[in-house]
Every structure is written in C-alpha cells, then in structure tokens.
Amino acid sequence: MTQEQEPFLLHEKDNPELAPKSSVVDRGGSLARWINWKFHILAHGVLITIYTVLSIAAIRFHNKDSLAPRPAIDNLVIEYTSSIFKNLSDSPYAGQPSPAIEAAWSDLLSPMHIRVTEAELRRDNQDSVELPESGGYLGWLGVFHELHCVKMLRQWHYQEYYHADASAAEKEHIASHIDHCFEMLRQSAVCHADASLTTFKWHPAKTRPVFNASESIHTCVAWDRLLESFADRVVSDEEILRLDNPLIHRN
C-alpha cells in the first residue's frame, strides 16, 4: 500500500490513544453514578434504621408511661422501696383478738376515708357521696378497700368473738360480704402480681415440701410517703357519722 492509500487516521482499536474521549468520560460517569447510588442506598438504610429504633423507643416509652400506676387523686406520691414481710409471730395485726390487735387495726385504717374533688371523680367516670361540711366527696383508695376486706375476713375467722350475738340473718348478710372480699382480694392479687420468690423446705414429719416462711424481699409502695401525701384529705369518723342519707325520709 502506498503512502497515499494509507488511511488518514488509524482505527481507534489499533491506537487506544485515539479513542473518543467520550468513552473515557462515560466510564468515569458510570463509576460515579454507581458510587452515588451505593451511597444513597447506604444513607437510606442508615436513616431507616435510626427511624425504626427511635420509633420503637418512643412506643415503648409511651406504653410504659400509659401503663404506669396512675394516681386516682392529685398529688398522690407513689414511690417504691424494698421491704421484708413480717412473719406471722411478729405481726401486730394477727392472732387471737386482743386490745392491742384492735388498736393496731384501728390505727391502720384511720386514714381510710378521704375527701376527693368532683374533677377527680369525673376523671374516672365516678360519682360518690357528697361531704357537705367541708366540701368534696367521700372516697377510699383501693388499698384501704383491700385492708377493710382483710379485717372482715379476720373477724369472720374469729366470729365467736366478733359475731357471737349475730342473728342467722345477720350472719348470712356478713357471709355475702365475705364472698365479695374473697373475690376482690383474688383479683387484687392477680392485678398487682407480687413477683418476689417464695421457697420451700423439707420437714422431718412431712412427705411433701412445706412452705419456707423466710423473710423474702418484696418491692413495695413506700407506705409512709403514701400516707403523708394525702393526710390533708382524711375525713374524720365523726364527720362520717354526721352524714345524713337524703334518700331516707324522716317525719
């Protein structure tokens, strides 16, 4: 081939340096787009993970807050502390009837009647007996309903002392209250579900394991702090006795 017959430009495959610049640019652009795509995928994955974690945390916080004990009355202090249950022999509330036991129960139940506001009743869709002397409405905290039932059950156990002179009709009436108390305390035990550990031991005269009455640790409401927080609401027994039932018409 003569010099005049040779192509003016070599074929690009024979000389890579003569390849169009656009091919190099395309390859570089594709790489950049691939890196950019990977970056966006990674960034979105990180954002979705963060959003999911924050959403789960928010839901758990909301549920924890909404399921936490909600005081029925304002300014009620509910704090928790570790406590050891007393053995039967050390309890001032148990055993054969005596003046000391009666005094202990009277003192324990002395803050039972409290004064609540109309707004507090409406909050739980409740109503109650009005207290005309100093305003407000009559109420109990649930714990005093439970204690009232425990006291009734104890007195029923010693009915020859507490109900010796009761008629058959009166005993039948009391027995209906006892059934109410059994069921109310059963529901309360399931509701509060004390998660402390109860253990057992062997007794030399028993074929089955027996209850180990050890002083295990329980998580309890700080009782004194609770009482202090509603002390100014307590309604005296004298005021309760002066209440007049408007549904009973007297001449």
Protein backbone atom coordinates (compact mmCIF):
# COMPACT_ATOMS: atom_id res chain seq x y z
CA MET A 1 0.00 0.00 0.00
CA THR A 2 1.36 3.35 -0.98
CA GLN A 3 1.54 6.24 1.39
CA GLU A 4 -1.35 7.88 -0.40
CA GLN A 5 -3.52 4.72 0.09
CA GLU A 6 -2.98 4.53 3.90
CA PRO A 7 -5.93 5.83 5.94
CA PHE A 8 -5.58 9.34 7.22
CA LEU A 9 -6.34 8.09 10.80
CA LEU A 10 -5.54 4.80 12.32
CA HIS A 11 -8.54 2.77 13.56
CA GLU A 12 -9.26 3.54 17.18
CA LYS A 13 -8.86 -0.09 18.18
CA ASP A 14 -5.32 -0.01 16.80
CA ASN A 15 -4.45 3.04 18.83
CA PRO A 16 -6.26 3.44 22.11
CA GLU A 17 -4.92 6.94 22.49
CA LEU A 18 -7.07 7.93 19.51
CA ALA A 19 -10.27 6.52 21.07
CA PRO A 20 -13.03 9.10 21.53
CA LYS A 21 -12.79 10.97 24.83
CA SER A 22 -16.49 10.36 25.39
CA SER A 23 -15.82 6.66 26.09
CA VAL A 24 -13.47 7.56 28.94
CA VAL A 25 -15.97 10.08 30.22
CA ASP A 26 -18.77 7.51 30.05
CA ARG A 27 -16.77 5.01 32.01
CA GLY A 28 -15.90 7.59 34.64
CA GLY A 29 -19.51 8.78 34.80
CA SER A 30 -20.82 5.27 35.24
CA LEU A 31 -18.44 4.70 38.12
CA ALA A 32 -19.51 7.96 39.72
CA ARG A 33 -23.17 7.09 39.30
CA TRP A 34 -22.57 3.62 40.78
CA ILE A 35 -20.80 5.10 43.81
CA ASN A 36 -23.52 7.72 44.19
CA TRP A 37 -26.22 5.01 44.00
CA LYS A 38 -24.47 2.90 46.62
CA PHE A 39 -24.10 5.95 48.87
CA HIS A 40 -27.81 6.76 48.63
CA ILE A 41 -28.77 3.16 49.39
CA LEU A 42 -26.48 3.13 52.43
CA ALA A 43 -27.69 6.53 53.61
CA HIS A 44 -31.33 5.50 53.29
CA GLY A 45 -30.61 2.26 55.13
CA VAL A 46 -28.99 4.15 57.99
CA LEU A 47 -31.89 6.62 58.17
CA ILE A 48 -34.48 3.84 58.13
CA THR A 49 -32.62 2.02 60.92
CA ILE A 50 -32.41 5.18 63.04
CA TYR A 51 -36.09 5.95 62.44
CA THR A 52 -37.09 2.39 63.38
CA VAL A 53 -35.05 2.41 66.59
CA LEU A 54 -36.44 5.80 67.62
CA SER A 55 -39.99 4.72 66.82
CA ILE A 56 -39.68 1.55 68.90
CA ALA A 57 -38.17 3.53 71.78
CA ALA A 58 -40.98 6.10 71.58
CA ILE A 59 -43.67 3.40 71.52
CA ARG A 60 -42.13 1.60 74.49
CA PHE A 61 -41.81 4.85 76.43
CA HIS A 62 -45.43 5.73 75.66
CA ASN A 63 -46.67 2.31 76.68
CA LYS A 64 -44.59 2.36 79.85
CA ASP A 65 -45.95 5.77 80.73
CA SER A 66 -49.54 4.88 79.92
CA LEU A 67 -49.43 1.59 81.87
CA ALA A 68 -47.67 3.02 84.89
CA PRO A 69 -49.80 3.34 88.05
CA ARG A 70 -51.99 6.39 87.54
CA PRO A 71 -52.91 8.01 90.84
CA ALA A 72 -56.67 8.44 91.17
CA ILE A 73 -56.20 11.69 93.11
CA ASP A 74 -53.87 14.62 92.59
CA ASN A 75 -50.52 14.90 94.39
CA LEU A 76 -50.53 11.28 95.50
CA VAL A 77 -46.95 10.06 96.00
CA ILE A 78 -46.26 6.53 94.78
CA GLU A 79 -42.65 5.56 95.37
CA TYR A 80 -41.21 2.05 95.60
CA THR A 81 -38.86 0.53 98.13
CA SER A 82 -37.57 -2.89 99.15
CA SER A 83 -39.39 -4.40 102.10
CA ILE A 84 -39.31 -7.63 104.07
CA PHE A 85 -42.66 -9.20 105.01
CA LYS A 86 -43.00 -9.94 108.71
CA ASN A 87 -43.55 -13.47 109.92
CA LEU A 88 -46.90 -14.25 111.50
CA SER A 89 -45.49 -14.24 115.02
CA ASP A 90 -44.14 -10.71 114.51
CA SER A 91 -47.33 -9.17 113.09
CA PRO A 92 -49.31 -6.77 115.31
CA TYR A 93 -52.44 -7.43 113.21
CA ALA A 94 -52.76 -11.21 113.56
CA GLY A 95 -53.60 -13.68 116.29
CA GLN A 96 -56.27 -14.11 118.91
CA PRO A 97 -58.39 -10.97 119.47
CA SER A 98 -56.89 -8.57 121.97
CA PRO A 99 -57.00 -4.83 122.72
CA ALA A 100 -53.53 -4.42 121.20
CA ILE A 101 -54.62 -6.01 117.90
CA GLU A 102 -57.80 -3.92 117.82
CA ALA A 103 -55.75 -0.76 118.36
CA ALA A 104 -53.32 -1.75 115.58
CA TRP A 105 -56.16 -2.29 113.10
CA SER A 106 -57.87 0.94 114.14
CA ASP A 107 -54.67 2.89 113.56
CA LEU A 108 -54.00 1.15 110.23
CA LEU A 109 -57.46 2.05 108.89
CA SER A 110 -57.68 5.54 110.38
CA PRO A 111 -56.84 7.31 107.07
CA MET A 112 -59.35 5.20 105.11
CA HIS A 113 -61.96 7.89 104.43
CA ILE A 114 -60.66 10.70 102.23
CA ARG A 115 -62.04 13.77 100.50
CA VAL A 116 -61.86 13.84 96.70
CA THR A 117 -62.83 16.53 94.24
CA GLU A 118 -65.51 16.44 91.57
CA ALA A 119 -62.84 16.73 88.87
CA GLU A 120 -61.03 13.65 90.26
CA LEU A 121 -64.28 11.68 90.22
CA ARG A 122 -65.09 12.72 86.67
CA ARG A 123 -61.62 11.67 85.54
CA ASP A 124 -62.56 8.04 86.24
CA ASN A 125 -66.24 8.46 85.35
CA GLN A 126 -67.22 8.04 89.01
CA ASP A 127 -69.58 9.68 91.45
CA SER A 128 -69.82 9.45 95.23
CA VAL A 129 -71.49 10.73 98.39
CA GLU A 130 -71.09 14.47 98.90
CA LEU A 131 -69.43 15.76 102.07
CA PRO A 132 -71.45 18.87 102.97
CA GLU A 133 -69.40 20.06 105.96
CA SER A 134 -66.11 20.85 104.23
CA GLY A 135 -66.88 20.12 100.59
CA GLY A 136 -65.76 17.37 98.27
CA TYR A 137 -66.87 13.76 98.03
CA LEU A 138 -66.22 10.61 100.03
CA GLY A 139 -63.68 8.11 98.71
CA TRP A 140 -61.31 5.27 99.57
CA LEU A 141 -58.03 4.36 97.96
CA GLY A 142 -58.11 0.78 96.68
CA VAL A 143 -55.57 -0.37 99.26
CA PHE A 144 -57.98 0.53 102.08
CA HIS A 145 -60.76 -1.44 100.41
CA GLU A 146 -58.38 -4.41 100.47
CA LEU A 147 -57.43 -3.82 104.11
CA HIS A 148 -61.10 -3.46 105.04
CA CYS A 149 -61.69 -6.88 103.47
CA VAL A 150 -58.75 -8.46 105.27
CA LYS A 151 -60.14 -7.13 108.56
CA MET A 152 -63.59 -8.57 107.78
CA LEU A 153 -62.09 -11.97 106.93
CA ARG A 154 -60.11 -11.97 110.15
CA GLN A 155 -63.21 -11.12 112.21
CA TRP A 156 -65.17 -13.84 110.41
CA HIS A 157 -62.43 -16.30 111.33
CA TYR A 158 -62.93 -15.30 114.99
CA GLN A 159 -66.70 -14.94 114.67
CA GLU A 160 -67.32 -16.43 118.11
CA TYR A 161 -65.65 -13.27 119.43
CA TYR A 162 -66.82 -10.64 116.91
CA HIS A 163 -70.21 -12.03 115.87
CA ALA A 164 -71.28 -14.12 118.85
CA ASP A 165 -74.63 -12.35 119.18
CA ALA A 166 -75.37 -12.03 115.45
CA SER A 167 -78.66 -13.49 114.25
CA ALA A 168 -78.83 -16.01 111.41
CA ALA A 169 -79.97 -13.25 109.05
CA GLU A 170 -77.07 -11.02 110.13
CA LYS A 171 -74.56 -13.82 109.65
CA GLU A 172 -75.98 -14.50 106.21
CA HIS A 173 -75.54 -10.81 105.37
CA ILE A 174 -71.95 -10.85 106.63
CA ALA A 175 -71.24 -14.03 104.67
CA SER A 176 -72.22 -12.26 101.44
CA HIS A 177 -69.65 -9.57 102.25
CA ILE A 178 -67.07 -12.27 102.95
CA ASP A 179 -67.64 -13.75 99.49
CA HIS A 180 -67.18 -10.27 98.00
CA CYS A 181 -63.92 -9.86 99.89
CA PHE A 182 -62.52 -13.22 98.79
CA GLU A 183 -63.16 -12.37 95.15
CA MET A 184 -61.93 -8.78 95.43
CA LEU A 185 -58.68 -9.88 97.07
CA ARG A 186 -58.20 -12.60 94.44
CA GLN A 187 -58.50 -10.03 91.66
CA SER A 188 -56.20 -7.64 93.51
CA ALA A 189 -53.52 -10.33 93.93
CA VAL A 190 -53.63 -11.10 90.20
CA CYS A 191 -53.64 -7.38 89.36
CA HIS A 192 -50.59 -6.49 91.44
CA ALA A 193 -48.78 -9.83 90.89
CA ASP A 194 -46.08 -9.76 93.56
CA ALA A 195 -43.05 -11.18 91.71
CA SER A 196 -40.92 -11.94 94.76
CA LEU A 197 -39.72 -15.51 95.31
CA THR A 198 -41.40 -17.99 97.62
CA THR A 199 -39.37 -21.06 98.60
CA PHE A 200 -39.97 -24.44 100.25
CA LYS A 201 -38.17 -26.80 102.57
CA TRP A 202 -38.36 -30.36 103.86
CA HIS A 203 -39.95 -31.11 107.22
CA PRO A 204 -38.92 -34.33 109.03
CA ALA A 205 -42.56 -35.28 109.61
CA LYS A 206 -43.99 -34.36 106.18
CA THR A 207 -43.80 -36.29 102.91
CA ARG A 208 -44.26 -33.22 100.71
CA PRO A 209 -42.28 -29.94 100.63
CA VAL A 210 -43.60 -27.34 103.06
CA PHE A 211 -43.70 -23.58 102.78
CA ASN A 212 -40.49 -21.89 103.90
CA ALA A 213 -41.58 -18.86 105.90
CA SER A 214 -38.38 -16.95 105.27
CA GLU A 215 -38.34 -13.17 105.20
CA SER A 216 -38.04 -12.65 101.45
CA ILE A 217 -37.59 -9.21 99.90
CA HIS A 218 -40.57 -7.59 98.16
CA THR A 219 -40.86 -4.42 96.08
CA CYS A 220 -43.50 -2.32 97.83
CA VAL A 221 -45.01 1.14 97.78
CA ALA A 222 -43.37 3.35 100.40
CA TRP A 223 -46.30 3.29 102.83
CA ASP A 224 -45.39 6.28 104.99
CA ARG A 225 -44.75 8.50 101.95
CA LEU A 226 -48.12 7.46 100.52
CA LEU A 227 -49.95 8.33 103.75
CA GLU A 228 -48.19 11.69 104.06
CA SER A 229 -49.22 12.67 100.54
CA PHE A 230 -52.97 12.59 101.27
CA ALA A 231 -53.01 13.31 105.02
CA ASP A 232 -54.81 16.62 104.46
CA ARG A 233 -57.69 14.79 102.73
CA VAL A 234 -58.57 12.41 105.59
CA VAL A 235 -62.19 12.67 106.75
CA SER A 236 -62.77 12.06 110.45
CA ASP A 237 -65.06 9.31 111.73
CA GLU A 238 -67.13 11.99 113.44
CA GLU A 239 -67.87 13.70 110.12
CA ILE A 240 -68.81 10.35 108.57
CA LEU A 241 -71.22 9.65 111.44
CA ARG A 242 -72.87 13.05 110.93
CA LEU A 243 -73.71 12.30 107.29
CA ASP A 244 -77.46 12.24 106.70
CA ASN A 245 -78.88 9.97 103.99
CA PRO A 246 -81.18 12.17 101.83
CA LEU A 247 -82.93 9.08 100.46
CA ILE A 248 -84.39 8.27 103.88
CA HIS A 249 -87.41 10.49 104.60
CA ARG A 250 -87.93 11.19 108.25
CA ASN A 251 -91.01 12.78 109.79
